[in-house]
N, C-alpha and C. Protein backbone atom coordinates (compact mmCIF):
# COMPACT_ATOMS: atom_id res chain seq x y z
N MET A 1 96.32 112.35 99.77
CA MET A 1 96.96 111.06 99.64
C MET A 1 98.45 111.22 99.96
N LEU A 2 98.91 110.36 100.82
CA LEU A 2 100.32 110.42 101.21
C LEU A 2 101.19 109.72 100.19
N ARG A 3 102.34 110.30 99.94
CA ARG A 3 103.32 109.69 99.05
C ARG A 3 104.15 108.69 99.84
N PRO A 4 104.82 107.76 99.16
CA PRO A 4 105.59 106.72 99.87
C PRO A 4 106.62 107.28 100.86
N TYR A 5 107.34 108.34 100.50
CA TYR A 5 108.34 108.88 101.42
C TYR A 5 107.68 109.55 102.62
N GLN A 6 106.46 110.06 102.44
CA GLN A 6 105.73 110.63 103.57
C GLN A 6 105.25 109.53 104.51
N LYS A 7 104.80 108.41 103.94
CA LYS A 7 104.41 107.27 104.76
C LYS A 7 105.61 106.72 105.52
N ALA A 8 106.77 106.69 104.87
CA ALA A 8 107.98 106.21 105.54
C ALA A 8 108.32 107.09 106.74
N TYR A 9 108.15 108.40 106.58
CA TYR A 9 108.40 109.33 107.68
C TYR A 9 107.43 109.08 108.83
N LEU A 10 106.15 108.90 108.51
CA LEU A 10 105.15 108.64 109.54
C LEU A 10 105.38 107.29 110.22
N LYS A 11 105.85 106.30 109.46
CA LYS A 11 106.16 104.99 110.04
C LYS A 11 107.27 105.14 111.08
N SER A 12 108.25 105.96 110.78
CA SER A 12 109.35 106.16 111.73
C SER A 12 108.84 106.82 113.02
N LEU A 13 107.88 107.74 112.89
CA LEU A 13 107.29 108.36 114.08
C LEU A 13 106.43 107.37 114.85
N ALA A 14 105.75 106.48 114.14
CA ALA A 14 104.85 105.51 114.77
C ALA A 14 105.61 104.48 115.60
N ASN A 15 106.88 104.27 115.31
CA ASN A 15 107.68 103.32 116.10
C ASN A 15 107.73 103.71 117.57
N GLN A 16 107.62 104.99 117.85
CA GLN A 16 107.72 105.48 119.22
C GLN A 16 106.39 105.41 119.97
N ILE A 17 105.30 105.16 119.26
CA ILE A 17 103.98 105.12 119.88
C ILE A 17 103.75 103.74 120.48
N SER A 18 103.46 103.69 121.76
CA SER A 18 103.19 102.40 122.38
C SER A 18 101.69 102.21 122.65
N HIS A 19 100.98 103.31 122.88
CA HIS A 19 99.56 103.20 123.21
C HIS A 19 98.74 102.85 121.97
N ARG A 20 97.82 101.90 122.14
CA ARG A 20 96.96 101.48 121.04
C ARG A 20 95.51 101.59 121.47
N TYR A 21 94.66 101.84 120.52
CA TYR A 21 93.22 101.80 120.73
C TYR A 21 92.77 100.42 120.26
N LEU A 22 92.20 99.64 121.17
CA LEU A 22 91.94 98.24 120.89
C LEU A 22 90.49 97.99 120.49
N LEU A 23 90.32 97.14 119.50
CA LEU A 23 89.01 96.73 119.03
C LEU A 23 88.87 95.24 119.28
N GLY A 24 87.84 94.86 120.02
CA GLY A 24 87.64 93.47 120.39
C GLY A 24 86.59 92.79 119.55
N LYS A 25 85.74 91.99 120.22
CA LYS A 25 84.79 91.17 119.50
C LYS A 25 83.62 91.96 118.93
N GLY A 26 83.42 93.17 119.38
CA GLY A 26 82.33 93.98 118.86
C GLY A 26 82.67 94.60 117.51
N GLU A 27 81.64 95.05 116.86
CA GLU A 27 81.83 95.76 115.58
C GLU A 27 82.33 97.17 115.86
N ILE A 28 82.66 97.89 114.81
CA ILE A 28 83.09 99.28 114.95
C ILE A 28 81.82 100.11 115.19
N ASP A 29 81.67 100.63 116.41
CA ASP A 29 80.48 101.41 116.72
C ASP A 29 80.84 102.90 116.81
N GLU A 30 79.80 103.70 117.03
CA GLU A 30 79.99 105.15 117.03
C GLU A 30 80.87 105.62 118.18
N SER A 31 80.79 104.97 119.33
CA SER A 31 81.61 105.40 120.47
C SER A 31 83.09 105.14 120.20
N PHE A 32 83.41 104.01 119.56
CA PHE A 32 84.80 103.71 119.21
C PHE A 32 85.30 104.72 118.18
N LEU A 33 84.47 105.03 117.19
CA LEU A 33 84.86 106.01 116.17
C LEU A 33 85.05 107.40 116.78
N GLU A 34 84.21 107.76 117.74
CA GLU A 34 84.35 109.06 118.40
C GLU A 34 85.66 109.12 119.19
N GLN A 35 86.00 108.01 119.83
CA GLN A 35 87.26 107.94 120.57
C GLN A 35 88.44 108.11 119.61
N LEU A 36 88.40 107.43 118.46
CA LEU A 36 89.46 107.56 117.46
C LEU A 36 89.51 108.97 116.90
N ASN A 37 88.34 109.56 116.67
CA ASN A 37 88.27 110.91 116.12
C ASN A 37 88.94 111.92 117.06
N LEU A 38 88.64 111.81 118.35
CA LEU A 38 89.26 112.70 119.33
C LEU A 38 90.78 112.47 119.42
N ALA A 39 91.17 111.20 119.36
CA ALA A 39 92.61 110.89 119.42
C ALA A 39 93.34 111.42 118.20
N LEU A 40 92.74 111.29 117.02
CA LEU A 40 93.38 111.81 115.81
C LEU A 40 93.48 113.32 115.84
N GLU A 41 92.48 113.98 116.37
CA GLU A 41 92.52 115.44 116.46
C GLU A 41 93.62 115.89 117.43
N ALA A 42 93.81 115.14 118.50
CA ALA A 42 94.81 115.51 119.50
C ALA A 42 96.22 115.09 119.11
N LYS A 43 96.36 113.88 118.56
CA LYS A 43 97.70 113.32 118.33
C LYS A 43 98.11 113.21 116.87
N GLU A 44 97.15 113.17 115.96
CA GLU A 44 97.35 113.05 114.52
C GLU A 44 97.80 111.67 114.06
N LEU A 45 98.58 110.96 114.85
CA LEU A 45 99.10 109.65 114.47
C LEU A 45 98.81 108.68 115.61
N ILE A 46 98.03 107.62 115.32
CA ILE A 46 97.65 106.67 116.35
C ILE A 46 97.80 105.24 115.84
N LYS A 47 97.78 104.32 116.79
CA LYS A 47 97.77 102.89 116.47
C LYS A 47 96.46 102.29 116.93
N VAL A 48 95.89 101.45 116.08
CA VAL A 48 94.67 100.72 116.42
C VAL A 48 95.02 99.24 116.38
N GLY A 49 94.80 98.56 117.50
CA GLY A 49 95.09 97.14 117.58
C GLY A 49 93.81 96.32 117.54
N LEU A 50 93.86 95.20 116.86
CA LEU A 50 92.72 94.29 116.79
C LEU A 50 93.02 93.07 117.65
N LEU A 51 92.15 92.82 118.61
CA LEU A 51 92.33 91.65 119.46
C LEU A 51 92.04 90.39 118.66
N GLN A 52 92.46 89.25 119.18
CA GLN A 52 92.31 87.98 118.47
C GLN A 52 90.85 87.62 118.22
N ASN A 53 89.95 88.09 119.08
CA ASN A 53 88.54 87.76 118.91
C ASN A 53 87.78 88.75 118.03
N CYS A 54 88.47 89.67 117.41
CA CYS A 54 87.83 90.63 116.51
C CYS A 54 87.43 89.92 115.21
N PRO A 55 86.16 90.01 114.83
CA PRO A 55 85.70 89.29 113.63
C PRO A 55 86.13 89.95 112.32
N LEU A 56 86.58 91.18 112.37
CA LEU A 56 86.95 91.91 111.17
C LEU A 56 88.44 91.77 110.88
N SER A 57 88.78 91.84 109.61
CA SER A 57 90.20 91.81 109.22
C SER A 57 90.78 93.22 109.38
N PRO A 58 92.09 93.33 109.52
CA PRO A 58 92.71 94.65 109.60
C PRO A 58 92.39 95.53 108.39
N ALA A 59 92.31 94.94 107.21
CA ALA A 59 91.99 95.71 106.01
C ALA A 59 90.58 96.28 106.07
N GLU A 60 89.64 95.51 106.61
CA GLU A 60 88.26 95.99 106.74
C GLU A 60 88.16 97.14 107.74
N VAL A 61 88.85 97.00 108.86
CA VAL A 61 88.85 98.04 109.88
C VAL A 61 89.51 99.30 109.33
N SER A 62 90.62 99.12 108.64
CA SER A 62 91.34 100.25 108.05
C SER A 62 90.45 101.00 107.05
N ALA A 63 89.78 100.27 106.19
CA ALA A 63 88.90 100.90 105.19
C ALA A 63 87.75 101.65 105.86
N SER A 64 87.21 101.08 106.92
CA SER A 64 86.12 101.73 107.64
C SER A 64 86.58 103.02 108.31
N ILE A 65 87.74 102.99 108.93
CA ILE A 65 88.28 104.19 109.57
C ILE A 65 88.56 105.27 108.53
N GLU A 66 89.16 104.89 107.42
CA GLU A 66 89.44 105.86 106.36
C GLU A 66 88.16 106.51 105.86
N GLU A 67 87.15 105.69 105.62
CA GLU A 67 85.90 106.19 105.05
C GLU A 67 85.13 107.06 106.03
N ARG A 68 85.04 106.62 107.28
CA ARG A 68 84.19 107.30 108.24
C ARG A 68 84.85 108.47 108.94
N LEU A 69 86.18 108.48 109.02
CA LEU A 69 86.88 109.55 109.73
C LEU A 69 87.74 110.44 108.84
N GLY A 70 87.85 110.08 107.58
CA GLY A 70 88.68 110.88 106.68
C GLY A 70 90.16 110.78 106.99
N ALA A 71 90.56 109.68 107.60
CA ALA A 71 91.96 109.46 107.95
C ALA A 71 92.62 108.64 106.85
N GLU A 72 93.92 108.46 106.99
CA GLU A 72 94.66 107.68 106.01
C GLU A 72 95.49 106.62 106.73
N THR A 73 95.44 105.41 106.20
CA THR A 73 96.23 104.32 106.77
C THR A 73 97.68 104.47 106.33
N VAL A 74 98.56 104.48 107.30
CA VAL A 74 99.99 104.58 107.02
C VAL A 74 100.56 103.19 106.80
N GLN A 75 100.12 102.23 107.64
CA GLN A 75 100.70 100.90 107.58
C GLN A 75 99.83 99.93 108.37
N ILE A 76 99.86 98.69 107.92
CA ILE A 76 99.22 97.60 108.65
C ILE A 76 100.29 96.53 108.88
N ILE A 77 100.52 96.23 110.16
CA ILE A 77 101.47 95.18 110.51
C ILE A 77 100.73 94.19 111.38
N GLY A 78 100.51 93.01 110.87
CA GLY A 78 99.76 92.00 111.61
C GLY A 78 98.37 92.50 111.93
N ARG A 79 98.09 92.69 113.22
CA ARG A 79 96.78 93.15 113.67
C ARG A 79 96.84 94.57 114.23
N VAL A 80 97.84 95.32 113.81
CA VAL A 80 98.00 96.71 114.24
C VAL A 80 97.95 97.62 113.01
N ILE A 81 97.12 98.66 113.11
CA ILE A 81 96.95 99.62 112.03
C ILE A 81 97.46 100.97 112.50
N VAL A 82 98.30 101.61 111.71
CA VAL A 82 98.78 102.96 112.00
C VAL A 82 97.98 103.92 111.14
N VAL A 83 97.34 104.90 111.79
CA VAL A 83 96.42 105.82 111.11
C VAL A 83 96.88 107.25 111.32
N TYR A 84 96.77 108.07 110.27
CA TYR A 84 97.15 109.48 110.33
C TYR A 84 96.02 110.35 109.80
N ARG A 85 95.81 111.46 110.48
CA ARG A 85 94.94 112.52 109.96
C ARG A 85 95.43 113.84 110.54
N ARG A 86 95.64 114.80 109.67
CA ARG A 86 96.13 116.11 110.10
C ARG A 86 95.09 116.79 110.99
N SER A 87 95.54 117.33 112.10
CA SER A 87 94.66 118.04 113.03
C SER A 87 94.22 119.36 112.42
N GLU A 88 92.94 119.67 112.56
CA GLU A 88 92.43 120.93 112.04
C GLU A 88 92.76 122.09 112.96
N LYS A 89 92.77 121.86 114.27
CA LYS A 89 92.97 122.93 115.24
C LYS A 89 94.43 123.15 115.61
N ASN A 90 95.18 122.06 115.74
CA ASN A 90 96.55 122.17 116.24
C ASN A 90 97.47 121.17 115.54
N PRO A 91 97.81 121.40 114.28
CA PRO A 91 98.71 120.45 113.59
C PRO A 91 100.10 120.48 114.22
N ARG A 92 100.62 119.28 114.53
CA ARG A 92 101.93 119.19 115.17
C ARG A 92 102.96 118.47 114.31
N ILE A 93 102.52 117.52 113.52
CA ILE A 93 103.46 116.74 112.72
C ILE A 93 103.70 117.46 111.39
N GLN A 94 104.95 117.73 111.12
CA GLN A 94 105.36 118.37 109.87
C GLN A 94 105.80 117.29 108.89
N ILE A 95 104.95 116.98 107.94
CA ILE A 95 105.27 115.96 106.95
C ILE A 95 106.13 116.59 105.86
N PRO A 96 107.21 115.94 105.46
CA PRO A 96 108.05 116.50 104.41
C PRO A 96 107.27 116.65 103.10
N VAL A 97 107.51 117.76 102.42
CA VAL A 97 106.80 118.04 101.16
C VAL A 97 107.43 117.29 100.00
N ARG A 98 108.72 117.21 99.99
CA ARG A 98 109.40 116.44 98.94
C ARG A 98 110.47 115.55 99.55
N LYS A 99 110.84 114.55 98.80
CA LYS A 99 111.80 113.57 99.31
C LYS A 99 113.15 114.23 99.63
N PRO A 100 113.67 113.94 100.83
CA PRO A 100 114.96 114.54 101.20
C PRO A 100 116.12 114.00 100.41
């Protein structure tokens, strides 16, 4: 579980991310989850965008990603979810251990 100052650090890193993984009118299927899983392993911090025709709320999508991929939601802004999961093979993001 991330502490508030760790989430703040990850939010600052997420500002630089422009690429989003988009979810449209379909439900969250295995291929979308596999794509997110690979992206989290490679990048650790990603953005997931929900298109206007997505029937799910951002909170529902966030909860599903957390449960099925073992990731943690950093922030939800409108229809964009910022997700973090530490890479098992090649961790790149150094999260601060205690508040600076």
